[in-house]
């Protein structure tokens, strides 16, 4: 009798914990950004929905940087670095710009967030 009661209590506790824990949070969506080699700058998507994103950035030239600007976001890499970065950004509805600061007139793009 006691073991049946103990099993019932453990089961009831597990159900209660699961009910209050709620669903697991989804992992943020990913965007891939690349600057260089040569005079290229890209972002893997042109339009995304508002939300939190992980930006995986590959900087492949020591004469460029990657600068993301818009609605509460102002993140950039250094010019001399040739490495990879991982940023987490919260994107709000609107238009964001990405540029290479030293070559902003020719190395630029936009990201629309809906």
PDB file of N, CA and C in Angstrom:
ATOM      1  N   UNK A   1       0.821  -1.185   0.000  1.00  0.00           N
ATOM      2  CA  UNK A   1       0.000   0.000   0.000  1.00  0.00           C
ATOM      3  C   UNK A   1       0.869   1.255   0.000  1.00  0.00           C
ATOM      4  N   UNK A   2       1.906   1.252   0.873  1.00  0.00           N
ATOM      5  CA  UNK A   2       2.778   2.427   0.924  1.00  0.00           C
ATOM      6  C   UNK A   2       3.536   2.623  -0.383  1.00  0.00           C
ATOM      7  N   UNK A   3       3.995   1.555  -0.999  1.00  0.00           N
ATOM      8  CA  UNK A   3       4.747   1.701  -2.253  1.00  0.00           C
ATOM      9  C   UNK A   3       3.843   2.204  -3.372  1.00  0.00           C
ATOM     10  N   UNK A   4       2.578   1.810  -3.393  1.00  0.00           N
ATOM     11  CA  UNK A   4       1.635   2.301  -4.388  1.00  0.00           C
ATOM     12  C   UNK A   4       1.400   3.785  -4.199  1.00  0.00           C
ATOM     13  N   UNK A   5       1.285   4.214  -2.946  1.00  0.00           N
ATOM     14  CA  UNK A   5       1.089   5.630  -2.632  1.00  0.00           C
ATOM     15  C   UNK A   5       2.330   6.439  -3.025  1.00  0.00           C
ATOM     16  N   UNK A   6       3.522   5.903  -2.768  1.00  0.00           N
ATOM     17  CA  UNK A   6       4.764   6.596  -3.119  1.00  0.00           C
ATOM     18  C   UNK A   6       4.881   6.754  -4.630  1.00  0.00           C
ATOM     19  N   UNK A   7       4.543   5.700  -5.367  1.00  0.00           N
ATOM     20  CA  UNK A   7       4.608   5.769  -6.831  1.00  0.00           C
ATOM     21  C   UNK A   7       3.617   6.801  -7.347  1.00  0.00           C
ATOM     22  N   UNK A   8       2.435   6.845  -6.783  1.00  0.00           N
ATOM     23  CA  UNK A   8       1.419   7.814  -7.193  1.00  0.00           C
ATOM     24  C   UNK A   8       1.883   9.236  -6.907  1.00  0.00           C
ATOM     25  N   UNK A   9       2.525   9.462  -5.782  1.00  0.00           N
ATOM     26  CA  UNK A   9       3.036  10.805  -5.440  1.00  0.00           C
ATOM     27  C   UNK A   9       4.141  11.238  -6.396  1.00  0.00           C
ATOM     28  N   UNK A  10       5.041  10.312  -6.712  1.00  0.00           N
ATOM     29  CA  UNK A  10       6.127  10.630  -7.648  1.00  0.00           C
ATOM     30  C   UNK A  10       5.552  10.952  -9.021  1.00  0.00           C
ATOM     31  N   UNK A  11       4.594  10.189  -9.473  1.00  0.00           N
ATOM     32  CA  UNK A  11       3.969  10.432 -10.779  1.00  0.00           C
ATOM     33  C   UNK A  11       3.259  11.772 -10.797  1.00  0.00           C
ATOM     34  N   UNK A  12       2.525  12.093  -9.737  1.00  0.00           N
ATOM     35  CA  UNK A  12       1.810  13.366  -9.661  1.00  0.00           C
ATOM     36  C   UNK A  12       2.790  14.531  -9.661  1.00  0.00           C
ATOM     37  N   UNK A  13       3.919  14.393  -8.962  1.00  0.00           N
ATOM     38  CA  UNK A  13       4.935  15.452  -8.931  1.00  0.00           C
ATOM     39  C   UNK A  13       5.543  15.651 -10.318  1.00  0.00           C
ATOM     40  N   UNK A  14       5.842  14.573 -11.018  1.00  0.00           N
ATOM     41  CA  UNK A  14       6.413  14.674 -12.364  1.00  0.00           C
ATOM     42  C   UNK A  14       5.456  15.376 -13.312  1.00  0.00           C
ATOM     43  N   UNK A  15       4.178  15.065 -13.231  1.00  0.00           N
ATOM     44  CA  UNK A  15       3.179  15.709 -14.083  1.00  0.00           C
ATOM     45  C   UNK A  15       3.084  17.197 -13.765  1.00  0.00           C
ATOM     46  N   UNK A  16       3.106  17.551 -12.493  1.00  0.00           N
ATOM     47  CA  UNK A  16       3.024  18.958 -12.096  1.00  0.00           C
ATOM     48  C   UNK A  16       4.235  19.740 -12.576  1.00  0.00           C
ATOM     49  N   UNK A  17       5.420  19.170 -12.454  1.00  0.00           N
ATOM     50  CA  UNK A  17       6.642  19.843 -12.914  1.00  0.00           C
ATOM     51  C   UNK A  17       6.586  20.056 -14.423  1.00  0.00           C
ATOM     52  N   UNK A  18       6.165  19.056 -15.163  1.00  0.00           N
ATOM     53  CA  UNK A  18       6.075  19.179 -16.616  1.00  0.00           C
ATOM     54  C   UNK A  18       5.062  20.234 -17.026  1.00  0.00           C
ATOM     55  N   UNK A  19       3.970  20.334 -16.308  1.00  0.00           N
ATOM     56  CA  UNK A  19       2.930  21.312 -16.633  1.00  0.00           C
ATOM     57  C   UNK A  19       3.416  22.734 -16.407  1.00  0.00           C
ATOM     58  N   UNK A  20       4.194  22.952 -15.351  1.00  0.00           N
ATOM     59  CA  UNK A  20       4.664  24.306 -15.051  1.00  0.00           C
ATOM     60  C   UNK A  20       5.914  24.676 -15.838  1.00  0.00           C
ATOM     61  N   UNK A  21       6.661  23.724 -16.302  1.00  0.00           N
ATOM     62  CA  UNK A  21       7.888  24.011 -17.045  1.00  0.00           C
ATOM     63  C   UNK A  21       7.580  24.604 -18.405  1.00  0.00           C
ATOM     64  N   UNK A  22       6.467  24.246 -19.010  1.00  0.00           N
ATOM     65  CA  UNK A  22       6.097  24.774 -20.312  1.00  0.00           C
ATOM     66  C   UNK A  22       6.947  24.179 -21.411  1.00  0.00           C
ATOM     67  N   UNK A  23       6.678  24.576 -22.638  1.00  0.00           N
ATOM     68  CA  UNK A  23       7.440  24.029 -23.760  1.00  0.00           C
ATOM     69  C   UNK A  23       8.866  24.558 -23.766  1.00  0.00           C
ATOM     70  N   UNK A  24       9.773  23.778 -24.295  1.00  0.00           N
ATOM     71  CA  UNK A  24      11.166  24.214 -24.401  1.00  0.00           C
ATOM     72  C   UNK A  24      11.257  25.345 -25.420  1.00  0.00           C
ATOM     73  N   UNK A  25      12.120  26.315 -25.125  1.00  0.00           N
ATOM     74  CA  UNK A  25      12.302  27.442 -26.038  1.00  0.00           C
ATOM     75  C   UNK A  25      13.016  26.972 -27.300  1.00  0.00           C
ATOM     76  N   UNK A  26      12.558  27.468 -28.423  1.00  0.00           N
ATOM     77  CA  UNK A  26      13.191  27.116 -29.703  1.00  0.00           C
ATOM     78  C   UNK A  26      14.536  27.826 -29.819  1.00  0.00           C
ATOM     79  N   UNK A  27      15.474  27.186 -30.451  1.00  0.00           N
ATOM     80  CA  UNK A  27      16.784  27.793 -30.688  1.00  0.00           C
ATOM     81  C   UNK A  27      16.622  28.942 -31.676  1.00  0.00           C
ATOM     82  N   UNK A  28      17.400  30.011 -31.503  1.00  0.00           N
ATOM     83  CA  UNK A  28      17.304  31.135 -32.452  1.00  0.00           C
ATOM     84  C   UNK A  28      17.649  30.693 -33.872  1.00  0.00           C
ATOM     85  N   UNK A  29      17.024  31.335 -34.833  1.00  0.00           N
ATOM     86  CA  UNK A  29      17.332  31.081 -36.242  1.00  0.00           C
ATOM     87  C   UNK A  29      18.741  31.594 -36.536  1.00  0.00           C
ATOM     88  N   UNK A  30      19.346  31.099 -37.622  1.00  0.00           N
ATOM     89  CA  UNK A  30      20.717  31.481 -37.957  1.00  0.00           C
ATOM     90  C   UNK A  30      20.767  32.278 -39.255  1.00  0.00           C
ATOM     91  N   UNK A  31      21.680  33.229 -39.277  1.00  0.00           N
ATOM     92  CA  UNK A  31      22.026  33.972 -40.481  1.00  0.00           C
ATOM     93  C   UNK A  31      23.529  33.819 -40.671  1.00  0.00           C
ATOM     94  N   UNK A  32      23.967  33.716 -41.909  1.00  0.00           N
ATOM     95  CA  UNK A  32      25.394  33.625 -42.196  1.00  0.00           C
ATOM     96  C   UNK A  32      25.824  34.870 -42.944  1.00  0.00           C
ATOM     97  N   UNK A  33      26.875  35.498 -42.458  1.00  0.00           N
ATOM     98  CA  UNK A  33      27.418  36.701 -43.088  1.00  0.00           C
ATOM     99  C   UNK A  33      28.867  36.424 -43.488  1.00  0.00           C
ATOM    100  N   UNK A  34      29.270  36.991 -44.623  1.00  0.00           N
ATOM    101  CA  UNK A  34      30.646  36.836 -45.094  1.00  0.00           C
ATOM    102  C   UNK A  34      31.125  38.168 -45.656  1.00  0.00           C
ATOM    103  N   UNK A  35      32.366  38.518 -45.310  1.00  0.00           N
ATOM    104  CA  UNK A  35      32.990  39.698 -45.899  1.00  0.00           C
ATOM    105  C   UNK A  35      34.350  39.265 -46.445  1.00  0.00           C
ATOM    106  N   UNK A  36      34.590  39.595 -47.730  1.00  0.00           N
ATOM    107  CA  UNK A  36      35.787  39.127 -48.408  1.00  0.00           C
ATOM    108  C   UNK A  36      35.594  37.678 -48.816  1.00  0.00           C
ATOM    109  N   UNK A  37      36.528  37.077 -49.531  1.00  0.00           N
ATOM    110  CA  UNK A  37      37.708  37.751 -50.063  1.00  0.00           C
ATOM    111  C   UNK A  37      37.322  38.698 -51.193  1.00  0.00           C
ATOM    112  N   UNK A  38      38.244  39.481 -51.606  1.00  0.00           N
ATOM    113  CA  UNK A  38      37.917  40.496 -52.611  1.00  0.00           C
ATOM    114  C   UNK A  38      36.981  41.529 -52.004  1.00  0.00           C
ATOM    115  N   UNK A  39      36.199  42.163 -52.833  1.00  0.00           N
ATOM    116  CA  UNK A  39      35.298  43.220 -52.381  1.00  0.00           C
ATOM    117  C   UNK A  39      33.855  42.713 -52.354  1.00  0.00           C
ATOM    118  N   UNK A  40      33.636  41.639 -51.570  1.00  0.00           N
ATOM    119  CA  UNK A  40      32.302  41.056 -51.446  1.00  0.00           C
ATOM    120  C   UNK A  40      31.832  41.131 -50.005  1.00  0.00           C
ATOM    121  N   UNK A  41      30.539  41.341 -49.843  1.00  0.00           N
ATOM    122  CA  UNK A  41      29.910  41.316 -48.523  1.00  0.00           C
ATOM    123  C   UNK A  41      28.515  40.720 -48.717  1.00  0.00           C
ATOM    124  N   UNK A  42      28.199  39.696 -47.946  1.00  0.00           N
ATOM    125  CA  UNK A  42      26.922  39.014 -48.130  1.00  0.00           C
ATOM    126  C   UNK A  42      26.274  38.657 -46.801  1.00  0.00           C
ATOM    127  N   UNK A  43      24.970  38.494 -46.853  1.00  0.00           N
ATOM    128  CA  UNK A  43      24.183  37.972 -45.747  1.00  0.00           C
ATOM    129  C   UNK A  43      23.281  36.906 -46.351  1.00  0.00           C
ATOM    130  N   UNK A  44      23.104  35.797 -45.665  1.00  0.00           N
ATOM    131  CA  UNK A  44      22.423  34.632 -46.247  1.00  0.00           C
ATOM    132  C   UNK A  44      20.961  34.858 -46.601  1.00  0.00           C
ATOM    133  N   UNK A  45      20.321  35.849 -46.021  1.00  0.00           N
ATOM    134  CA  UNK A  45      18.919  36.138 -46.348  1.00  0.00           C
ATOM    135  C   UNK A  45      18.742  37.632 -46.574  1.00  0.00           C
ATOM    136  N   UNK A  46      17.768  37.966 -47.388  1.00  0.00           N
ATOM    137  CA  UNK A  46      17.441  39.377 -47.652  1.00  0.00           C
ATOM    138  C   UNK A  46      16.264  39.845 -46.804  1.00  0.00           C
ATOM    139  N   UNK A  47      15.396  38.889 -46.397  1.00  0.00           N
ATOM    140  CA  UNK A  47      14.219  39.197 -45.587  1.00  0.00           C
ATOM    141  C   UNK A  47      14.055  38.110 -44.533  1.00  0.00           C
ATOM    142  N   UNK A  48      13.795  38.537 -43.291  1.00  0.00           N
ATOM    143  CA  UNK A  48      13.542  37.599 -42.195  1.00  0.00           C
ATOM    144  C   UNK A  48      12.406  38.154 -41.330  1.00  0.00           C
ATOM    145  N   UNK A  49      11.850  37.302 -40.495  1.00  0.00           N
ATOM    146  CA  UNK A  49      10.829  37.738 -39.542  1.00  0.00           C
ATOM    147  C   UNK A  49      11.513  38.283 -38.298  1.00  0.00           C
ATOM    148  N   UNK A  50      10.858  39.207 -37.606  1.00  0.00           N
ATOM    149  CA  UNK A  50      11.402  39.772 -36.378  1.00  0.00           C
ATOM    150  C   UNK A  50      11.657  38.654 -35.372  1.00  0.00           C
ATOM    151  N   UNK A  51      12.730  38.797 -34.613  1.00  0.00           N
ATOM    152  CA  UNK A  51      13.054  37.795 -33.597  1.00  0.00           C
ATOM    153  C   UNK A  51      14.534  37.786 -33.293  1.00  0.00           C
ATOM    154  N   UNK A  52      14.944  36.788 -32.536  1.00  0.00           N
ATOM    155  CA  UNK A  52      16.339  36.647 -32.145  1.00  0.00           C
ATOM    156  C   UNK A  52      17.055  35.730 -33.135  1.00  0.00           C
ATOM    157  N   UNK A  53      18.232  36.152 -33.556  1.00  0.00           N
ATOM    158  CA  UNK A  53      19.018  35.410 -34.541  1.00  0.00           C
ATOM    159  C   UNK A  53      20.454  35.246 -34.062  1.00  0.00           C
ATOM    160  N   UNK A  54      21.052  34.136 -34.439  1.00  0.00           N
ATOM    161  CA  UNK A  54      22.484  33.941 -34.271  1.00  0.00           C
ATOM    162  C   UNK A  54      23.106  34.246 -35.625  1.00  0.00           C
ATOM    163  N   UNK A  55      24.019  35.206 -35.644  1.00  0.00           N
ATOM    164  CA  UNK A  55      24.718  35.573 -36.876  1.00  0.00           C
ATOM    165  C   UNK A  55      26.096  34.923 -36.832  1.00  0.00           C
ATOM    166  N   UNK A  56      26.351  34.067 -37.799  1.00  0.00           N
ATOM    167  CA  UNK A  56      27.664  33.439 -37.928  1.00  0.00           C
ATOM    168  C   UNK A  56      28.391  34.205 -39.015  1.00  0.00           C
ATOM    169  N   UNK A  57      29.433  34.903 -38.608  1.00  0.00           N
ATOM    170  CA  UNK A  57      30.137  35.831 -39.497  1.00  0.00           C
ATOM    171  C   UNK A  57      31.529  35.310 -39.815  1.00  0.00           C
ATOM    172  N   UNK A  58      31.827  35.260 -41.098  1.00  0.00           N
ATOM    173  CA  UNK A  58      33.160  34.841 -41.560  1.00  0.00           C
ATOM    174  C   UNK A  58      33.837  36.043 -42.198  1.00  0.00           C
ATOM    175  N   UNK A  59      34.857  36.519 -41.539  1.00  0.00           N
ATOM    176  CA  UNK A  59      35.631  37.642 -42.067  1.00  0.00           C
ATOM    177  C   UNK A  59      36.867  37.061 -42.743  1.00  0.00           C
ATOM    178  N   UNK A  60      36.977  37.254 -44.062  1.00  0.00           N
ATOM    179  CA  UNK A  60      38.013  36.581 -44.847  1.00  0.00           C
ATOM    180  C   UNK A  60      39.023  37.529 -45.471  1.00  0.00           C
ATOM    181  N   UNK A  61      39.131  38.735 -44.950  1.00  0.00           N
ATOM    182  CA  UNK A  61      40.089  39.691 -45.497  1.00  0.00           C
ATOM    183  C   UNK A  61      40.527  40.663 -44.408  1.00  0.00           C
ATOM    184  N   UNK A  62      41.789  41.042 -44.431  1.00  0.00           N
ATOM    185  CA  UNK A  62      42.296  41.975 -43.417  1.00  0.00           C
ATOM    186  C   UNK A  62      42.160  43.442 -43.828  1.00  0.00           C
ATOM    187  N   UNK A  63      41.416  43.711 -44.907  1.00  0.00           N
ATOM    188  CA  UNK A  63      41.179  45.110 -45.288  1.00  0.00           C
ATOM    189  C   UNK A  63      39.697  45.487 -45.166  1.00  0.00           C
ATOM    190  N   UNK A  64      38.885  44.565 -44.673  1.00  0.00           N
ATOM    191  CA  UNK A  64      37.445  44.805 -44.556  1.00  0.00           C
ATOM    192  C   UNK A  64      36.960  44.565 -43.126  1.00  0.00           C
ATOM    193  N   UNK A  65      35.754  45.043 -42.857  1.00  0.00           N
ATOM    194  CA  UNK A  65      35.041  44.663 -41.644  1.00  0.00           C
ATOM    195  C   UNK A  65      33.580  44.444 -42.008  1.00  0.00           C
ATOM    196  N   UNK A  66      32.806  43.949 -41.066  1.00  0.00           N
ATOM    197  CA  UNK A  66      31.365  43.756 -41.252  1.00  0.00           C
ATOM    198  C   UNK A  66      30.677  44.560 -40.172  1.00  0.00           C
ATOM    199  N   UNK A  67      29.767  45.445 -40.587  1.00  0.00           N
ATOM    200  CA  UNK A  67      29.083  46.351 -39.664  1.00  0.00           C
ATOM    201  C   UNK A  67      27.580  46.229 -39.917  1.00  0.00           C
ATOM    202  N   UNK A  68      26.836  45.786 -38.903  1.00  0.00           N
ATOM    203  CA  UNK A  68      25.383  45.640 -38.980  1.00  0.00           C
ATOM    204  C   UNK A  68      24.743  46.754 -38.167  1.00  0.00           C
ATOM    205  N   UNK A  69      23.858  47.524 -38.821  1.00  0.00           N
ATOM    206  CA  UNK A  69      23.286  48.724 -38.210  1.00  0.00           C
ATOM    207  C   UNK A  69      21.775  48.753 -38.415  1.00  0.00           C
ATOM    208  N   UNK A  70      21.047  49.103 -37.349  1.00  0.00           N
ATOM    209  CA  UNK A  70      19.602  49.309 -37.468  1.00  0.00           C
ATOM    210  C   UNK A  70      18.874  49.015 -36.179  1.00  0.00           C
ATOM    211  N   UNK A  71      17.841  49.761 -35.881  1.00  0.00           N
ATOM    212  CA  UNK A  71      16.893  49.550 -34.790  1.00  0.00           C
ATOM    213  C   UNK A  71      17.463  48.849 -33.552  1.00  0.00           C
ATOM    214  N   UNK A  72      18.374  49.530 -32.867  1.00  0.00           N
ATOM    215  CA  UNK A  72      18.956  48.992 -31.638  1.00  0.00           C
ATOM    216  C   UNK A  72      20.138  48.059 -31.840  1.00  0.00           C
ATOM    217  N   UNK A  73      20.565  47.848 -33.078  1.00  0.00           N
ATOM    218  CA  UNK A  73      21.714  46.990 -33.361  1.00  0.00           C
ATOM    219  C   UNK A  73      22.802  47.836 -34.011  1.00  0.00           C
ATOM    220  N   UNK A  74      23.999  47.762 -33.455  1.00  0.00           N
ATOM    221  CA  UNK A  74      25.164  48.447 -34.016  1.00  0.00           C
ATOM    222  C   UNK A  74      26.382  47.593 -33.669  1.00  0.00           C
ATOM    223  N   UNK A  75      26.587  46.526 -34.442  1.00  0.00           N
ATOM    224  CA  UNK A  75      27.667  45.582 -34.166  1.00  0.00           C
ATOM    225  C   UNK A  75      28.627  45.575 -35.342  1.00  0.00           C
ATOM    226  N   UNK A  76      29.929  45.542 -35.013  1.00  0.00           N
ATOM    227  CA  UNK A  76      30.914  45.506 -36.082  1.00  0.00           C
ATOM    228  C   UNK A  76      32.156  44.760 -35.651  1.00  0.00           C
ATOM    229  N   UNK A  77      32.903  44.308 -36.657  1.00  0.00           N
ATOM    230  CA  UNK A  77      34.176  43.647 -36.429  1.00  0.00           C
ATOM    231  C   UNK A  77      35.292  44.656 -36.672  1.00  0.00           C
ATOM    232  N   UNK A  78      36.503  44.276 -36.304  1.00  0.00           N
ATOM    233  CA  UNK A  78      37.638  45.152 -36.583  1.00  0.00           C
ATOM    234  C   UNK A  78      38.110  44.906 -38.012  1.00  0.00           C
ATOM    235  N   UNK A  79      38.805  45.875 -38.566  1.00  0.00           N
ATOM    236  CA  UNK A  79      39.249  45.780 -39.953  1.00  0.00           C
ATOM    237  C   UNK A  79      40.365  44.758 -40.122  1.00  0.00           C
ATOM    238  N   UNK A  80      41.306  44.711 -39.224  1.00  0.00           N
ATOM    239  CA  UNK A  80      42.489  43.865 -39.422  1.00  0.00           C
ATOM    240  C   UNK A  80      42.250  42.382 -39.157  1.00  0.00           C
ATOM    241  N   UNK A  81      41.145  42.026 -38.524  1.00  0.00           N
ATOM    242  CA  UNK A  81      40.910  40.627 -38.136  1.00  0.00           C
ATOM    243  C   UNK A  81      40.501  39.771 -39.328  1.00  0.00           C
ATOM    244  N   UNK A  82      41.001  38.563 -39.355  1.00  0.00           N
ATOM    245  CA  UNK A  82      40.568  37.550 -40.317  1.00  0.00           C
ATOM    246  C   UNK A  82      40.188  36.342 -39.468  1.00  0.00           C
ATOM    247  N   UNK A  83      38.905  36.281 -39.113  1.00  0.00           N
ATOM    248  CA  UNK A  83      38.440  35.198 -38.249  1.00  0.00           C
ATOM    249  C   UNK A  83      36.926  35.091 -38.317  1.00  0.00           C
ATOM    250  N   UNK A  84      36.386  34.194 -37.530  1.00  0.00           N
ATOM    251  CA  UNK A  84      34.934  34.014 -37.470  1.00  0.00           C
ATOM    252  C   UNK A  84      34.396  34.573 -36.160  1.00  0.00           C
ATOM    253  N   UNK A  85      33.172  35.059 -36.216  1.00  0.00           N
ATOM    254  CA  UNK A  85      32.489  35.610 -35.056  1.00  0.00           C
ATOM    255  C   UNK A  85      31.117  34.961 -34.963  1.00  0.00           C
ATOM    256  N   UNK A  86      30.553  34.958 -33.777  1.00  0.00           N
ATOM    257  CA  UNK A  86      29.168  34.547 -33.569  1.00  0.00           C
ATOM    258  C   UNK A  86      28.505  35.617 -32.716  1.00  0.00           C
ATOM    259  N   UNK A  87      27.476  36.228 -33.267  1.00  0.00           N
ATOM    260  CA  UNK A  87      26.707  37.248 -32.555  1.00  0.00           C
ATOM    261  C   UNK A  87      25.293  36.745 -32.348  1.00  0.00           C
ATOM    262  N   UNK A  88      24.678  37.160 -31.261  1.00  0.00           N
ATOM    263  CA  UNK A  88      23.243  36.960 -31.079  1.00  0.00           C
ATOM    264  C   UNK A  88      22.616  38.339 -31.097  1.00  0.00           C
ATOM    265  N   UNK A  89      21.662  38.543 -31.986  1.00  0.00           N
ATOM    266  CA  UNK A  89      21.019  39.852 -32.129  1.00  0.00           C
ATOM    267  C   UNK A  89      19.506  39.689 -32.127  1.00  0.00           C
ATOM    268  N   UNK A  90      18.837  40.691 -31.600  1.00  0.00           N
ATOM    269  CA  UNK A  90      17.379  40.728 -31.642  1.00  0.00           C
ATOM    270  C   UNK A  90      16.989  41.734 -32.716  1.00  0.00           C
ATOM    271  N   UNK A  91      16.338  41.242 -33.750  1.00  0.00           N
ATOM    272  CA  UNK A  91      15.958  42.083 -34.877  1.00  0.00           C
ATOM    273  C   UNK A  91      14.490  42.467 -34.768  1.00  0.00           C
ATOM    274  N   UNK A  92      14.227  43.750 -34.882  1.00  0.00           N
ATOM    275  CA  UNK A  92      12.869  44.280 -34.846  1.00  0.00           C
ATOM    276  C   UNK A  92      12.424  44.607 -36.264  1.00  0.00           C
ATOM    277  N   UNK A  93      11.145  44.758 -36.434  1.00  0.00           N
ATOM    278  CA  UNK A  93      10.592  45.078 -37.750  1.00  0.00           C
ATOM    279  C   UNK A  93      11.217  46.370 -38.284  1.00  0.00           C
ATOM    280  N   UNK A  94      11.710  46.323 -39.511  1.00  0.00           N
ATOM    281  CA  UNK A  94      12.335  47.487 -40.130  1.00  0.00           C
ATOM    282  C   UNK A  94      13.424  47.061 -41.096  1.00  0.00           C
ATOM    283  N   UNK A  95      14.277  48.006 -41.470  1.00  0.00           N
ATOM    284  CA  UNK A  95      15.367  47.744 -42.415  1.00  0.00           C
ATOM    285  C   UNK A  95      16.705  47.940 -41.717  1.00  0.00           C
ATOM    286  N   UNK A  96      17.573  46.986 -41.901  1.00  0.00           N
ATOM    287  CA  UNK A  96      18.928  47.022 -41.347  1.00  0.00           C
ATOM    288  C   UNK A  96      19.909  47.137 -42.513  1.00  0.00           C
ATOM    289  N   UNK A  97      21.042  47.778 -42.257  1.00  0.00           N
ATOM    290  CA  UNK A  97      22.099  47.898 -43.263  1.00  0.00           C
ATOM    291  C   UNK A  97      23.299  47.088 -42.800  1.00  0.00           C
ATOM    292  N   UNK A  98      24.018  46.504 -43.740  1.00  0.00           N
ATOM    293  CA  UNK A  98      25.319  45.936 -43.419  1.00  0.00           C
ATOM    294  C   UNK A  98      26.310  46.488 -44.428  1.00  0.00           C
ATOM    295  N   UNK A  99      27.472  46.892 -43.915  1.00  0.00           N
ATOM    296  CA  UNK A  99      28.482  47.548 -44.741  1.00  0.00           C
ATOM    297  C   UNK A  99      29.876  47.133 -44.300  1.00  0.00           C
ATOM    298  N   UNK A 100      30.830  47.380 -45.165  1.00  0.00           N
ATOM    299  CA  UNK A 100      32.245  47.376 -44.813  1.00  0.00           C
ATOM    300  C   UNK A 100      32.592  48.849 -44.632  1.00  0.00           C
ATOM    301  N   UNK A 101      32.948  49.253 -43.436  1.00  0.00           N
ATOM    302  CA  UNK A 101      33.187  50.676 -43.172  1.00  0.00           C
ATOM    303  C   UNK A 101      34.223  51.313 -44.097  1.00  0.00           C
ATOM    304  N   UNK A 102      35.389  50.685 -44.346  1.00  0.00           N
ATOM    305  CA  UNK A 102      36.362  51.332 -45.229  1.00  0.00           C
ATOM    306  C   UNK A 102      35.911  51.418 -46.689  1.00  0.00           C
ATOM    307  N   UNK A 103      34.959  50.600 -47.097  1.00  0.00           N
ATOM    308  CA  UNK A 103      34.526  50.566 -48.495  1.00  0.00           C
ATOM    309  C   UNK A 103      33.001  50.654 -48.593  1.00  0.00           C
ATOM    310  N   UNK A 104      32.410  51.505 -47.773  1.00  0.00           N
ATOM    311  CA  UNK A 104      30.946  51.574 -47.643  1.00  0.00           C
ATOM    312  C   UNK A 104      30.232  51.939 -48.940  1.00  0.00           C
ATOM    313  N   UNK A 105      30.891  52.642 -49.834  1.00  0.00           N
ATOM    314  CA  UNK A 105      30.225  53.043 -51.071  1.00  0.00           C
ATOM    315  C   UNK A 105      30.003  51.874 -52.033  1.00  0.00           C
ATOM    316  N   UNK A 106      30.833  50.813 -51.910  1.00  0.00           N
ATOM    317  CA  UNK A 106      30.687  49.675 -52.828  1.00  0.00           C
ATOM    318  C   UNK A 106      30.370  48.352 -52.128  1.00  0.00           C
ATOM    319  N   UNK A 107      30.623  48.270 -50.838  1.00  0.00           N
ATOM    320  CA  UNK A 107      30.374  47.018 -50.090  1.00  0.00           C
ATOM    321  C   UNK A 107      29.257  47.266 -49.090  1.00  0.00           C
ATOM    322  N   UNK A 108      28.038  46.964 -49.513  1.00  0.00           N
ATOM    323  CA  UNK A 108      26.881  47.247 -48.671  1.00  0.00           C
ATOM    324  C   UNK A 108      25.720  46.361 -49.055  1.00  0.00           C
ATOM    325  N   UNK A 109      24.752  46.269 -48.144  1.00  0.00           N
ATOM    326  CA  UNK A 109      23.542  45.509 -48.409  1.00  0.00           C
ATOM    327  C   UNK A 109      22.488  45.867 -47.388  1.00  0.00           C
ATOM    328  N   UNK A 110      21.290  45.337 -47.593  1.00  0.00           N
ATOM    329  CA  UNK A 110      20.200  45.591 -46.653  1.00  0.00           C
ATOM    330  C   UNK A 110      19.531  44.276 -46.261  1.00  0.00           C
ATOM    331  N   UNK A 111      18.959  44.292 -45.082  1.00  0.00           N
ATOM    332  CA  UNK A 111      18.182  43.187 -44.548  1.00  0.00           C
ATOM    333  C   UNK A 111      16.845  43.748 -44.108  1.00  0.00           C
ATOM    334  N   UNK A 112      15.765  43.212 -44.654  1.00  0.00           N
ATOM    335  CA  UNK A 112      14.422  43.659 -44.291  1.00  0.00           C
ATOM    336  C   UNK A 112      13.863  42.700 -43.250  1.00  0.00           C
ATOM    337  N   UNK A 113      13.359  43.247 -42.156  1.00  0.00           N
ATOM    338  CA  UNK A 113      12.780  42.436 -41.082  1.00  0.00           C
ATOM    339  C   UNK A 113      11.295  42.748 -41.026  1.00  0.00           C
ATOM    340  N   UNK A 114      10.473  41.706 -41.181  1.00  0.00           N
ATOM    341  CA  UNK A 114       9.012  41.885 -41.211  1.00  0.00           C
ATOM    342  C   UNK A 114       8.373  41.445 -39.916  1.00  0.00           C
TER     343      UNK A 114
END
